[in-house]
Amino acid sequence: MSDDDFMLEDAADEDYDFEYEDDEEAEDGDIDIENQYYQAKGRLKEDDPPAAIEEFKAVIQQEEEKSDWGFKAHKQVIKLYFKQGDRANTIKYYQELLKYTKNAVTRNVSEKSINNILDSISSDNDMAFMEEFYRITLQTLEETKNDRLWLKTNLKLAKLWLDRKEYLRLTKILKELHAACQRSDGSDDQSRGTYLLEVYALEIQMYTETKNNKKLKELYNKTSNIKSAIPHPRIMGIIRECGGKMHMGEGAAALPKFRSNGIEQWDKAQTDFFESFKNYDEAGSLQRIQVLKYVVLANMLMDSQINPFESQETKPYSSHPEIAAMTDLVNAYQGHEIHEFERILRNNKKDIMGDPFIRHYIDDVLKNIRSQVLLKMIKPYTRISTERLSRSLKISPREVEELLVSLILDEKLNGRIDQTSGRLELDVRTKAEIERCNAMANWSEKLESVWEGSVAKV
């Protein structure tokens, strides 16, 4: 690890504790221990970690009973051994530090320190080391009956396994967390609604990544039944983002047969993404930029003519460097400027096509805009060659035929494709006129049937 990665403190103050804190004067402590502690920190300033470790150990040895200075010295020793890659001594002194949390320091100080230490060691790639570190932490928290920190520590570990795609490890922890948030009858304990939403958020992310849509939908619907929670906006941002992705998948699945159902799901996706964006924005999360791109994507898929950057929440981001390309894309889409649309895609591959989720749906967006351009192109004609349409759109004649077939099936176009001559022949009559003619034909057939019946009787 680099020093920048490891140091959690303000560099200007050179405070080597895990958490941001001032080293207060010991009110009744031994002045020699205090001086020894600052002498050890002086060794760190001299860039002599081995000597600093020995000095901090001397602080611990001078203690007659556990105190703040011994607690702080243990934190420094843990950090220095971890930095040196000495995992055995890191765990050894961490176990000693945990003994201080039982009665030597306040619960607030111990919780803050444990959280910061766990954040630091979570950068390690040794899974066995991290599991052991978390195991002894959770064991101590159970012994001290610190349920709140036990839950928070398990949530932290679950997030770590999620980030590393360790789904088997994650599933095991999620079961324990669910059990901790349930009543004796197995129902959700609404008094722990805030923690429960965090558990659901982790599980929803796992099912989104593993594409288990059935479980994802079940959990997503459950989150709306939790009324007692006051969750962090980031948690709701995660849940609504995953909900949006779920609706997008349902929209794509429904589209080939029922276009209206597909658009309805994309409408729900757009709503979820917009709510997710607002939550991330409130939380100050950088994920708001990515989700805003998803808002734009869903907006185009549902053929909306409302510019997503007109709302007061999104307007400030319309000129953001990572969003500018999406702003241009929306303008080209709504202006039916197909070649400009394709140019923006080509020139902004990283910002737009770099996201696998956007890349998965961009073909549907292209199909939408090409269909709109086709309808505009053929409007003045009663017949037109597919080759000419192909040249104008810069796609193959076969792709043009596929678009035309979709438009005919969606009843957006009255006509037929003559594949022999390679032409689209349009029925210029309106839908109302066609329906009237069909009605007249049916009426005529019925009259003829009545007349034939009357003649037969005579």
Protein backbone atom coordinates (compact mmCIF):
# COMPACT_ATOMS: atom_id res chain seq x y z
CA MET A 1 0.00 0.00 0.00
CA SER A 2 1.09 3.57 -0.57
CA ASP A 3 1.19 6.04 2.30
CA ASP A 4 -1.60 8.01 0.62
CA ASP A 5 -3.84 4.96 0.60
CA PHE A 6 -3.17 4.12 4.20
CA MET A 7 -3.17 7.51 5.86
CA LEU A 8 -6.62 8.52 7.01
CA GLU A 9 -5.48 11.67 8.79
CA ASP A 10 -4.82 15.25 7.80
CA ALA A 11 -1.29 15.28 6.39
CA ALA A 12 -0.62 18.78 7.63
CA ASP A 13 -1.18 17.73 11.26
CA GLU A 14 0.59 14.38 10.79
CA ASP A 15 -1.85 12.73 13.19
CA TYR A 16 -1.26 9.02 12.91
CA ASP A 17 -4.45 7.79 14.58
CA PHE A 18 -6.97 5.78 12.58
CA GLU A 19 -9.67 8.36 13.11
CA TYR A 20 -9.63 12.12 12.86
CA GLU A 21 -8.97 13.16 16.43
CA ASP A 22 -6.83 15.42 18.56
CA ASP A 23 -4.64 13.84 21.16
CA GLU A 24 -6.13 15.41 24.26
CA GLU A 25 -4.00 15.99 27.33
CA ALA A 26 -4.39 13.12 29.76
CA GLU A 27 -6.39 14.50 32.62
CA ASP A 28 -5.15 12.12 35.33
CA GLY A 29 -2.88 9.84 33.35
CA ASP A 30 0.78 9.24 33.86
CA ILE A 31 2.73 12.08 32.23
CA ASP A 32 5.53 9.65 31.41
CA ILE A 33 3.19 7.53 29.32
CA GLU A 34 1.98 10.61 27.47
CA ASN A 35 5.57 11.71 26.77
CA GLN A 36 6.44 8.20 25.62
CA TYR A 37 3.51 8.25 23.21
CA TYR A 38 4.59 11.54 21.62
CA GLN A 39 8.17 10.31 21.46
CA ALA A 40 6.91 7.33 19.45
CA LYS A 41 5.09 9.67 17.11
CA GLY A 42 8.35 11.57 16.74
CA ARG A 43 9.92 8.37 15.43
CA LEU A 44 7.23 8.27 12.77
CA LYS A 45 8.07 11.82 11.73
CA GLU A 46 11.67 10.67 11.40
CA ASP A 47 10.41 7.89 9.10
CA ASP A 48 11.63 5.10 11.38
CA PRO A 49 8.64 2.70 11.67
CA PRO A 50 10.51 -0.16 13.45
CA ALA A 51 11.70 2.20 16.17
CA ALA A 52 8.21 3.72 16.40
CA ILE A 53 6.71 0.27 16.96
CA GLU A 54 9.07 -0.36 19.87
CA GLU A 55 8.30 3.06 21.35
CA PHE A 56 4.52 2.44 21.13
CA LYS A 57 5.01 -0.99 22.74
CA ALA A 58 6.85 0.76 25.58
CA VAL A 59 3.76 2.92 26.12
CA ILE A 60 1.65 -0.23 26.46
CA GLN A 61 4.11 -1.83 28.87
CA GLN A 62 4.13 1.22 31.13
CA GLU A 63 0.39 1.00 31.71
CA GLU A 64 -0.63 -0.16 35.14
CA GLU A 65 -4.21 -0.39 33.93
CA LYS A 66 -5.76 0.03 30.48
CA SER A 67 -6.08 3.70 29.44
CA ASP A 68 -6.61 5.98 26.46
CA TRP A 69 -2.85 6.13 25.79
CA GLY A 70 -2.52 2.37 25.60
CA PHE A 71 -5.56 2.26 23.31
CA LYS A 72 -4.00 4.85 20.99
CA ALA A 73 -0.64 3.08 21.07
CA HIS A 74 -2.30 -0.19 20.03
CA LYS A 75 -3.92 1.56 17.05
CA GLN A 76 -0.52 2.83 15.88
CA VAL A 77 1.11 -0.59 16.26
CA ILE A 78 -1.75 -2.22 14.32
CA LYS A 79 -1.40 0.31 11.54
CA LEU A 80 2.38 -0.01 11.29
CA TYR A 81 2.35 -3.81 11.26
CA PHE A 82 -0.40 -3.80 8.62
CA LYS A 83 1.61 -1.39 6.50
CA GLN A 84 4.61 -3.73 6.73
CA GLY A 85 2.47 -6.70 5.66
CA ASP A 86 2.87 -8.44 9.04
CA ARG A 87 -0.65 -9.85 9.28
CA ALA A 88 0.02 -12.09 12.29
CA ASN A 89 1.08 -9.17 14.52
CA THR A 90 -1.67 -6.99 13.06
CA ILE A 91 -4.26 -9.47 14.31
CA LYS A 92 -2.42 -10.05 17.61
CA TYR A 93 -2.43 -6.37 18.60
CA TYR A 94 -5.95 -5.87 17.24
CA GLN A 95 -7.16 -8.58 19.61
CA GLU A 96 -5.46 -6.74 22.47
CA LEU A 97 -7.03 -3.44 21.39
CA LEU A 98 -10.51 -5.00 21.45
CA LYS A 99 -10.05 -5.71 25.17
CA TYR A 100 -9.92 -1.94 25.75
CA THR A 101 -13.39 -1.53 24.21
CA LYS A 102 -15.00 -3.45 27.09
CA ASN A 103 -14.41 -0.80 29.75
CA ALA A 104 -11.24 1.26 29.16
CA VAL A 105 -12.65 3.65 26.51
CA THR A 106 -16.10 4.99 25.73
CA ARG A 107 -18.40 3.15 23.35
CA ASN A 108 -18.35 6.09 20.95
CA VAL A 109 -14.52 6.10 20.78
CA SER A 110 -14.34 2.31 20.37
CA GLU A 111 -16.97 2.26 17.61
CA LYS A 112 -15.27 5.05 15.71
CA SER A 113 -11.87 3.35 15.97
CA ILE A 114 -13.13 -0.12 14.99
CA ASN A 115 -14.94 1.31 11.95
CA ASN A 116 -11.84 3.15 10.75
CA ILE A 117 -9.55 0.16 11.31
CA LEU A 118 -11.93 -2.11 9.36
CA ASP A 119 -12.07 0.42 6.53
CA SER A 120 -8.26 0.35 6.38
CA ILE A 121 -7.76 -3.42 6.36
CA SER A 122 -10.56 -3.90 3.80
CA SER A 123 -8.09 -2.89 1.08
CA ASP A 124 -6.15 -6.12 1.65
CA ASN A 125 -6.43 -8.94 -0.89
CA ASP A 126 -5.90 -11.76 1.62
CA MET A 127 -9.43 -13.11 2.11
CA ALA A 128 -8.47 -15.38 5.01
CA PHE A 129 -6.87 -12.45 6.85
CA MET A 130 -9.91 -10.23 6.41
CA GLU A 131 -12.35 -12.96 7.42
CA GLU A 132 -10.35 -13.58 10.60
CA PHE A 133 -10.22 -9.85 11.31
CA TYR A 134 -13.98 -9.51 10.99
CA ARG A 135 -14.58 -12.76 12.91
CA ILE A 136 -12.76 -11.60 16.04
CA THR A 137 -14.44 -8.19 15.76
CA LEU A 138 -17.92 -9.70 15.61
CA GLN A 139 -17.12 -12.14 18.42
CA THR A 140 -16.09 -9.25 20.69
CA LEU A 141 -19.20 -7.26 19.76
CA GLU A 142 -21.39 -10.24 20.67
CA GLU A 143 -19.62 -10.56 24.03
CA THR A 144 -20.10 -6.86 24.79
CA LYS A 145 -23.69 -7.03 23.48
CA ASN A 146 -23.11 -4.13 21.11
CA ASP A 147 -25.92 -5.06 18.71
CA ARG A 148 -25.80 -1.78 16.81
CA LEU A 149 -22.10 -2.05 15.92
CA TRP A 150 -22.51 -5.80 15.27
CA LEU A 151 -25.10 -4.98 12.61
CA LYS A 152 -23.00 -2.17 11.14
CA THR A 153 -19.89 -4.37 11.01
CA ASN A 154 -21.76 -7.18 9.26
CA LEU A 155 -23.20 -4.68 6.78
CA LYS A 156 -19.68 -3.39 6.13
CA LEU A 157 -18.42 -6.94 5.54
CA ALA A 158 -21.37 -7.73 3.28
CA LYS A 159 -20.61 -4.62 1.20
CA LEU A 160 -16.99 -5.74 0.94
CA TRP A 161 -17.99 -9.18 -0.39
CA LEU A 162 -20.48 -7.57 -2.80
CA ASP A 163 -17.79 -5.28 -4.23
CA ARG A 164 -15.52 -8.28 -4.70
CA LYS A 165 -18.33 -10.41 -6.17
CA GLU A 166 -17.88 -13.03 -3.42
CA TYR A 167 -21.53 -14.05 -3.62
CA LEU A 168 -21.29 -17.24 -1.52
CA ARG A 169 -19.70 -15.33 1.36
CA LEU A 170 -22.22 -12.52 0.88
CA THR A 171 -25.22 -14.88 0.95
CA LYS A 172 -24.10 -16.35 4.28
CA ILE A 173 -23.86 -12.90 5.92
CA LEU A 174 -27.18 -11.75 4.44
CA LYS A 175 -28.92 -14.71 6.11
CA GLU A 176 -27.48 -13.68 9.48
CA LEU A 177 -28.49 -10.06 8.93
CA HIS A 178 -32.03 -11.04 7.93
CA ALA A 179 -32.33 -13.16 11.07
CA ALA A 180 -31.18 -10.21 13.19
CA CYS A 181 -33.88 -8.00 11.64
CA GLN A 182 -36.75 -10.45 12.13
CA ARG A 183 -39.17 -11.23 14.93
CA SER A 184 -39.39 -14.66 16.52
CA ASP A 185 -42.17 -15.62 14.08
CA GLY A 186 -39.93 -14.91 11.08
CA SER A 187 -41.63 -11.67 10.00
CA ASP A 188 -39.67 -8.46 9.43
CA ASP A 189 -39.11 -6.38 12.55
CA GLN A 190 -40.33 -2.94 11.49
CA SER A 191 -38.53 -1.35 14.45
CA ARG A 192 -35.32 -2.23 12.63
CA GLY A 193 -36.61 -0.92 9.32
CA THR A 194 -33.56 1.24 8.62
CA TYR A 195 -31.16 -1.71 8.96
CA LEU A 196 -33.57 -3.93 7.04
CA LEU A 197 -33.54 -1.54 4.08
CA GLU A 198 -29.73 -1.65 4.07
CA VAL A 199 -29.85 -5.45 4.01
CA TYR A 200 -32.38 -5.38 1.17
CA ALA A 201 -30.24 -2.87 -0.73
CA LEU A 202 -27.25 -5.24 -0.59
CA GLU A 203 -29.36 -8.23 -1.60
CA ILE A 204 -31.03 -6.31 -4.42
CA GLN A 205 -27.62 -5.34 -5.79
CA MET A 206 -26.52 -8.98 -5.68
CA TYR A 207 -29.62 -10.14 -7.57
CA THR A 208 -29.19 -7.31 -10.09
CA GLU A 209 -25.60 -8.36 -10.79
CA THR A 210 -26.45 -12.07 -10.95
CA LYS A 211 -29.57 -11.34 -13.06
CA ASN A 212 -31.93 -13.17 -10.72
CA ASN A 213 -34.93 -11.09 -11.78
CA LYS A 214 -37.51 -13.14 -9.89
CA LYS A 215 -35.82 -12.59 -6.51
CA LEU A 216 -35.00 -9.02 -7.43
CA LYS A 217 -38.65 -8.15 -8.08
CA GLU A 218 -39.78 -9.88 -4.90
CA LEU A 219 -37.35 -7.91 -2.74
CA TYR A 220 -37.94 -4.63 -4.58
CA ASN A 221 -41.65 -4.88 -3.83
CA LYS A 222 -40.89 -5.70 -0.18
CA THR A 223 -38.98 -2.45 0.29
CA SER A 224 -42.16 -0.43 -0.31
CA ASN A 225 -43.78 -2.15 2.70
CA ILE A 226 -41.19 -0.83 5.15
CA LYS A 227 -42.74 2.34 6.56
CA SER A 228 -40.81 2.83 9.81
CA ALA A 229 -37.36 3.35 8.29
CA ILE A 230 -35.45 6.61 7.98
CA PRO A 231 -32.81 5.39 5.53
CA HIS A 232 -29.77 7.24 4.29
CA PRO A 233 -30.61 8.69 0.84
CA ARG A 234 -27.75 6.65 -0.66
CA ILE A 235 -29.56 3.43 0.32
CA MET A 236 -32.75 4.57 -1.41
CA GLY A 237 -30.65 5.63 -4.39
CA ILE A 238 -29.31 2.07 -4.67
CA ILE A 239 -32.76 0.50 -4.35
CA ARG A 240 -34.37 2.79 -6.94
CA GLU A 241 -31.45 2.38 -9.34
CA CYS A 242 -31.75 -1.41 -9.20
CA GLY A 243 -35.53 -1.04 -9.59
CA GLY A 244 -35.00 1.01 -12.72
CA LYS A 245 -32.72 -1.64 -14.18
CA MET A 246 -35.32 -4.29 -13.35
CA HIS A 247 -38.05 -2.36 -15.19
CA MET A 248 -35.73 -1.82 -18.16
CA GLY A 249 -35.24 -5.58 -18.47
CA GLU A 250 -38.98 -6.17 -18.26
CA GLY A 251 -39.56 -3.54 -20.92
CA ALA A 252 -37.09 -5.15 -23.30
CA ALA A 253 -38.67 -8.59 -22.72
CA ALA A 254 -42.18 -7.28 -23.42
CA LEU A 255 -41.24 -5.21 -26.46
CA PRO A 256 -41.15 -7.81 -29.28
CA LYS A 257 -44.83 -8.77 -28.76
CA PHE A 258 -46.40 -5.91 -26.86
CA ARG A 259 -44.82 -2.56 -27.55
CA SER A 260 -47.21 -0.72 -25.26
CA ASN A 261 -46.19 -2.98 -22.35
CA GLY A 262 -42.53 -2.33 -23.10
CA ILE A 263 -43.04 1.43 -23.10
CA GLU A 264 -45.00 1.19 -19.84
CA GLN A 265 -42.06 -0.59 -18.16
CA TRP A 266 -39.59 1.96 -19.54
CA ASP A 267 -41.78 4.69 -18.12
CA LYS A 268 -41.52 3.03 -14.70
CA ALA A 269 -37.75 2.70 -15.20
CA GLN A 270 -37.46 6.41 -15.97
CA THR A 271 -39.36 7.24 -12.79
CA ASP A 272 -37.15 4.98 -10.67
CA PHE A 273 -33.94 6.33 -12.20
CA PHE A 274 -35.06 9.90 -11.62
CA GLU A 275 -35.86 9.17 -7.96
CA SER A 276 -32.52 7.38 -7.63
CA PHE A 277 -30.73 10.40 -9.10
CA LYS A 278 -32.39 12.72 -6.59
CA ASN A 279 -31.42 10.46 -3.68
CA TYR A 280 -27.82 10.16 -4.82
CA ASP A 281 -27.73 13.92 -5.34
CA GLU A 282 -28.97 14.48 -1.79
CA ALA A 283 -26.35 12.05 -0.46
CA GLY A 284 -23.59 13.74 -2.46
CA SER A 285 -22.81 10.46 -4.23
CA LEU A 286 -20.91 10.52 -7.53
CA GLN A 287 -23.22 7.73 -8.75
CA ARG A 288 -25.77 10.47 -9.50
CA ILE A 289 -23.96 11.19 -12.79
CA GLN A 290 -24.20 7.60 -13.99
CA VAL A 291 -27.86 7.31 -12.99
CA LEU A 292 -28.67 10.58 -14.75
CA LYS A 293 -27.41 8.92 -17.92
CA TYR A 294 -29.90 6.11 -17.25
CA VAL A 295 -32.68 8.71 -16.89
CA VAL A 296 -31.81 9.98 -20.39
CA LEU A 297 -31.64 6.43 -21.79
CA ALA A 298 -35.10 5.51 -20.47
CA ASN A 299 -36.46 8.85 -21.68
CA MET A 300 -35.41 8.08 -25.26
CA LEU A 301 -36.64 4.47 -25.13
CA MET A 302 -40.14 5.58 -24.17
CA ASP A 303 -40.21 8.07 -27.08
CA SER A 304 -40.69 10.99 -24.72
CA GLN A 305 -40.51 14.47 -26.22
CA ILE A 306 -39.90 16.02 -22.79
CA ASN A 307 -36.27 17.00 -22.36
CA PRO A 308 -35.00 15.33 -19.14
CA PHE A 309 -32.74 18.32 -18.47
CA GLU A 310 -35.61 20.76 -18.13
CA SER A 311 -36.34 19.88 -14.48
CA GLN A 312 -34.77 21.99 -11.75
CA GLU A 313 -33.00 18.92 -10.31
CA THR A 314 -31.23 17.93 -13.54
CA LYS A 315 -30.69 21.32 -15.19
CA PRO A 316 -27.48 22.15 -13.26
CA TYR A 317 -25.89 18.96 -14.62
CA SER A 318 -26.68 19.51 -18.30
CA SER A 319 -23.22 21.04 -18.88
CA HIS A 320 -21.34 18.54 -16.70
CA PRO A 321 -18.39 17.12 -18.74
CA GLU A 322 -19.64 13.52 -18.41
CA ILE A 323 -23.25 14.50 -19.15
CA ALA A 324 -22.67 16.90 -22.06
CA ALA A 325 -22.61 14.02 -24.57
CA MET A 326 -25.96 12.73 -23.28
CA THR A 327 -27.42 16.24 -23.54
CA ASP A 328 -26.33 16.40 -27.20
CA LEU A 329 -27.70 12.91 -27.76
CA VAL A 330 -31.15 13.88 -26.44
CA ASN A 331 -31.22 16.99 -28.65
CA ALA A 332 -30.31 14.95 -31.74
CA TYR A 333 -32.87 12.29 -30.83
CA GLN A 334 -35.73 14.70 -30.34
CA GLY A 335 -34.76 16.57 -33.52
CA HIS A 336 -34.74 13.29 -35.51
CA GLU A 337 -31.17 14.04 -36.60
CA ILE A 338 -30.06 10.44 -37.14
CA HIS A 339 -26.59 11.13 -38.55
CA GLU A 340 -25.79 13.60 -35.76
CA PHE A 341 -27.04 11.05 -33.25
CA GLU A 342 -24.72 8.38 -34.66
CA ARG A 343 -21.80 10.84 -34.80
CA ILE A 344 -22.24 11.65 -31.08
CA LEU A 345 -22.22 7.92 -30.27
CA ARG A 346 -19.02 7.40 -32.26
CA ASN A 347 -17.21 10.38 -30.72
CA ASN A 348 -18.21 9.66 -27.11
CA LYS A 349 -17.69 5.94 -26.77
CA LYS A 350 -16.16 6.21 -23.29
CA ASP A 351 -18.85 8.44 -21.74
CA ILE A 352 -21.81 6.71 -23.40
CA MET A 353 -20.88 3.24 -24.64
CA GLY A 354 -18.39 2.61 -21.84
CA ASP A 355 -21.23 1.59 -19.53
CA PRO A 356 -22.34 -2.03 -20.32
CA PHE A 357 -25.88 -1.23 -19.18
CA ILE A 358 -26.25 1.67 -21.65
CA ARG A 359 -24.53 -0.32 -24.38
CA HIS A 360 -27.06 -3.13 -23.95
CA TYR A 361 -30.01 -0.84 -24.76
CA ILE A 362 -28.48 1.54 -27.29
CA ASP A 363 -29.62 -0.62 -30.24
CA ASP A 364 -33.24 -0.13 -29.13
CA VAL A 365 -32.67 3.63 -29.01
CA LEU A 366 -31.18 3.53 -32.51
CA LYS A 367 -34.18 1.54 -33.71
CA ASN A 368 -36.51 4.19 -32.25
CA ILE A 369 -34.84 7.15 -33.92
CA ARG A 370 -34.43 5.35 -37.25
CA SER A 371 -38.13 4.44 -37.19
CA GLN A 372 -39.06 8.07 -36.56
CA VAL A 373 -36.82 9.24 -39.41
CA LEU A 374 -38.29 6.58 -41.72
CA LEU A 375 -41.85 7.74 -41.04
CA LYS A 376 -40.82 11.29 -41.79
CA MET A 377 -39.05 10.30 -45.03
CA ILE A 378 -41.88 8.22 -46.53
CA LYS A 379 -44.69 10.62 -45.65
CA PRO A 380 -44.87 12.34 -49.10
CA TYR A 381 -44.83 9.06 -51.07
CA THR A 382 -47.25 6.34 -52.10
CA ARG A 383 -44.35 4.07 -53.04
CA ILE A 384 -40.60 4.27 -52.46
CA SER A 385 -37.68 1.90 -52.95
CA THR A 386 -36.11 0.32 -49.89
CA GLU A 387 -32.71 0.88 -51.53
CA ARG A 388 -33.26 4.63 -51.42
CA LEU A 389 -34.26 4.50 -47.77
CA SER A 390 -31.20 2.36 -47.10
CA ARG A 391 -28.87 4.96 -48.64
CA SER A 392 -30.47 7.80 -46.68
CA LEU A 393 -30.22 6.02 -43.34
CA LYS A 394 -26.82 4.47 -44.16
CA ILE A 395 -27.95 1.00 -43.15
CA SER A 396 -28.53 -2.20 -45.15
CA PRO A 397 -31.78 -2.81 -47.13
CA ARG A 398 -32.47 -5.78 -44.85
CA GLU A 399 -32.32 -3.52 -41.77
CA VAL A 400 -34.70 -1.11 -43.50
CA GLU A 401 -37.15 -3.94 -44.18
CA GLU A 402 -37.01 -5.03 -40.51
CA LEU A 403 -37.81 -1.49 -39.38
CA LEU A 404 -40.70 -1.22 -41.87
CA VAL A 405 -42.16 -4.55 -40.74
CA SER A 406 -42.08 -3.38 -37.10
CA LEU A 407 -43.83 -0.13 -38.04
CA ILE A 408 -46.52 -2.02 -39.97
CA LEU A 409 -47.09 -4.46 -37.09
CA ASP A 410 -47.28 -1.57 -34.62
CA GLU A 411 -49.93 -0.01 -36.93
CA LYS A 412 -47.83 3.11 -37.37
CA LEU A 413 -47.65 2.48 -41.09
CA ASN A 414 -50.31 1.37 -43.61
CA GLY A 415 -48.63 -0.46 -46.44
CA ARG A 416 -46.84 -3.55 -47.65
CA ILE A 417 -43.34 -4.45 -48.79
CA ASP A 418 -42.97 -5.77 -52.34
CA GLN A 419 -39.75 -7.76 -52.00
CA THR A 420 -39.66 -8.58 -55.74
CA SER A 421 -39.40 -4.94 -56.78
CA GLY A 422 -37.77 -3.84 -53.52
CA ARG A 423 -40.41 -1.22 -52.81
CA LEU A 424 -42.61 -0.09 -50.00
CA GLU A 425 -46.16 0.48 -51.26
CA LEU A 426 -48.24 2.68 -49.00
CA ASP A 427 -51.97 2.71 -48.49
CA VAL A 428 -52.62 6.46 -48.35
CA ARG A 429 -56.04 6.02 -46.82
CA THR A 430 -56.34 6.94 -43.16
CA LYS A 431 -57.02 4.30 -40.56
CA ALA A 432 -60.57 5.64 -40.18
CA GLU A 433 -61.16 5.30 -43.92
CA ILE A 434 -59.87 1.73 -43.94
CA GLU A 435 -62.10 0.82 -41.00
CA ARG A 436 -65.10 2.39 -42.76
CA CYS A 437 -64.43 0.41 -45.95
CA ASN A 438 -64.07 -2.81 -43.97
CA ALA A 439 -67.37 -2.10 -42.20
CA MET A 440 -69.11 -1.45 -45.53
CA ALA A 441 -67.74 -4.73 -46.91
CA ASN A 442 -69.03 -6.64 -43.90
CA TRP A 443 -72.43 -4.95 -44.19
CA SER A 444 -72.59 -5.85 -47.90
CA GLU A 445 -71.75 -9.49 -47.17
CA LYS A 446 -74.52 -9.70 -44.57
CA LEU A 447 -77.11 -8.16 -46.97
CA GLU A 448 -76.13 -10.64 -49.62
CA SER A 449 -76.54 -13.49 -47.12
CA VAL A 450 -80.03 -12.23 -46.15
CA TRP A 451 -81.05 -11.89 -49.83
CA GLU A 452 -79.87 -15.40 -50.65
CA GLY A 453 -81.82 -16.75 -47.68
CA SER A 454 -85.01 -14.98 -48.84
CA VAL A 455 -84.65 -16.33 -52.40
CA ALA A 456 -84.22 -19.86 -51.08
CA LYS A 457 -87.50 -19.64 -49.16
CA VAL A 458 -89.40 -18.47 -52.27
